[in-house]
Protein backbone atom coordinates (compact mmCIF):
# COMPACT_ATOMS: atom_id res chain seq x y z
CA UNK A 1 44.36 -4.51 -40.19
CA UNK A 2 44.45 -7.11 -42.90
CA UNK A 3 42.38 -10.17 -43.16
CA UNK A 4 42.99 -12.95 -45.01
CA UNK A 5 40.98 -16.03 -46.29
CA UNK A 6 41.44 -19.03 -48.43
CA UNK A 7 39.73 -20.52 -50.97
CA UNK A 8 41.09 -24.06 -51.71
CA UNK A 9 38.32 -25.06 -53.71
CA UNK A 10 39.35 -22.00 -56.28
CA UNK A 11 42.85 -21.75 -55.64
CA UNK A 12 42.94 -18.29 -54.72
CA UNK A 13 43.57 -16.16 -51.60
CA UNK A 14 42.11 -13.11 -50.94
CA UNK A 15 43.28 -10.13 -49.02
CA UNK A 16 40.52 -7.75 -47.99
CA UNK A 17 41.88 -4.48 -46.31
CA UNK A 18 40.40 -2.05 -43.58
CA UNK A 19 36.55 -1.67 -43.80
CA UNK A 20 35.24 -4.65 -46.07
CA UNK A 21 32.41 -5.86 -44.77
CA UNK A 22 32.14 -9.41 -45.83
CA UNK A 23 30.77 -12.01 -42.97
CA UNK A 24 31.28 -15.38 -44.60
CA UNK A 25 33.19 -17.05 -46.38
CA UNK A 26 30.18 -17.29 -49.01
CA UNK A 27 30.07 -13.76 -49.36
CA UNK A 28 33.72 -13.37 -50.26
CA UNK A 29 33.29 -16.21 -53.02
CA UNK A 30 30.24 -14.27 -54.23
CA UNK A 31 32.15 -11.42 -54.70
CA UNK A 32 35.05 -12.59 -56.52
CA UNK A 33 32.83 -13.83 -58.88
CA UNK A 34 30.87 -10.88 -59.52
CA UNK A 35 34.00 -9.38 -60.11
CA UNK A 36 35.31 -12.12 -62.53
CA UNK A 37 32.22 -11.87 -64.46
CA UNK A 38 31.39 -7.96 -64.72
CA UNK A 39 34.87 -6.32 -63.78
CA UNK A 40 33.11 -4.25 -61.25
CA UNK A 41 31.11 -4.89 -57.98
CA UNK A 42 29.03 -2.99 -55.26
CA UNK A 43 31.73 -2.09 -52.68
CA UNK A 44 31.46 -3.78 -49.16
CA UNK A 45 33.08 -1.01 -47.66
CA UNK A 46 30.64 1.78 -47.90
CA UNK A 47 27.97 0.45 -50.13
CA UNK A 48 28.12 3.60 -52.63
CA UNK A 49 30.89 2.88 -55.18
CA UNK A 50 31.86 0.28 -57.23
CA UNK A 51 35.32 -2.14 -56.59
CA UNK A 52 36.58 -1.49 -60.31
CA UNK A 53 40.43 -3.24 -61.58
CA UNK A 54 43.12 -0.92 -61.89
CA UNK A 55 44.20 -2.09 -64.62
CA UNK A 56 40.93 -3.09 -66.75
CA UNK A 57 42.67 -3.07 -70.21
CA UNK A 58 44.56 -6.58 -68.95
CA UNK A 59 42.67 -10.03 -69.33
CA UNK A 60 43.14 -10.71 -65.75
CA UNK A 61 42.77 -8.62 -62.75
CA UNK A 62 44.19 -8.87 -59.26
CA UNK A 63 43.70 -5.49 -57.75
CA UNK A 64 40.37 -3.61 -57.26
CA UNK A 65 39.69 -0.12 -55.84
CA UNK A 66 36.38 1.66 -54.94
CA UNK A 67 35.85 4.61 -56.95
CA UNK A 68 33.78 6.42 -53.93
CA UNK A 69 35.71 5.51 -50.63
CA UNK A 70 39.02 4.28 -52.31
CA UNK A 71 39.14 0.83 -50.57
CA UNK A 72 41.00 -1.91 -51.87
CA UNK A 73 40.44 -5.74 -52.60
CA UNK A 74 43.28 -8.07 -53.66
CA UNK A 75 42.59 -11.54 -55.20
CA UNK A 76 46.30 -13.28 -56.04
CA UNK A 77 46.33 -17.19 -57.16
CA UNK A 78 48.07 -19.20 -54.89
CA UNK A 79 50.74 -21.47 -56.39
CA UNK A 80 51.13 -24.92 -55.67
CA UNK A 81 54.23 -26.74 -55.71
CA UNK A 82 54.20 -30.80 -56.38
């Protein structure tokens, strides 16, 4: 099952796949901010591995994968057309 939450203040959409144990929007925003700051974060699914970008060499990453359980998180910008 895929769960999707919008973050209107940051204009982002976060897709949590399968086992992500993110209970509140605050947790979701906190995780996104940590990934942006540190390029890695503790995996909310297994609590053992780190979510790391698939391609760490690019400036902006949208896809992160756990190095332990292989759970994935995708963060994509919303496109607003006026």
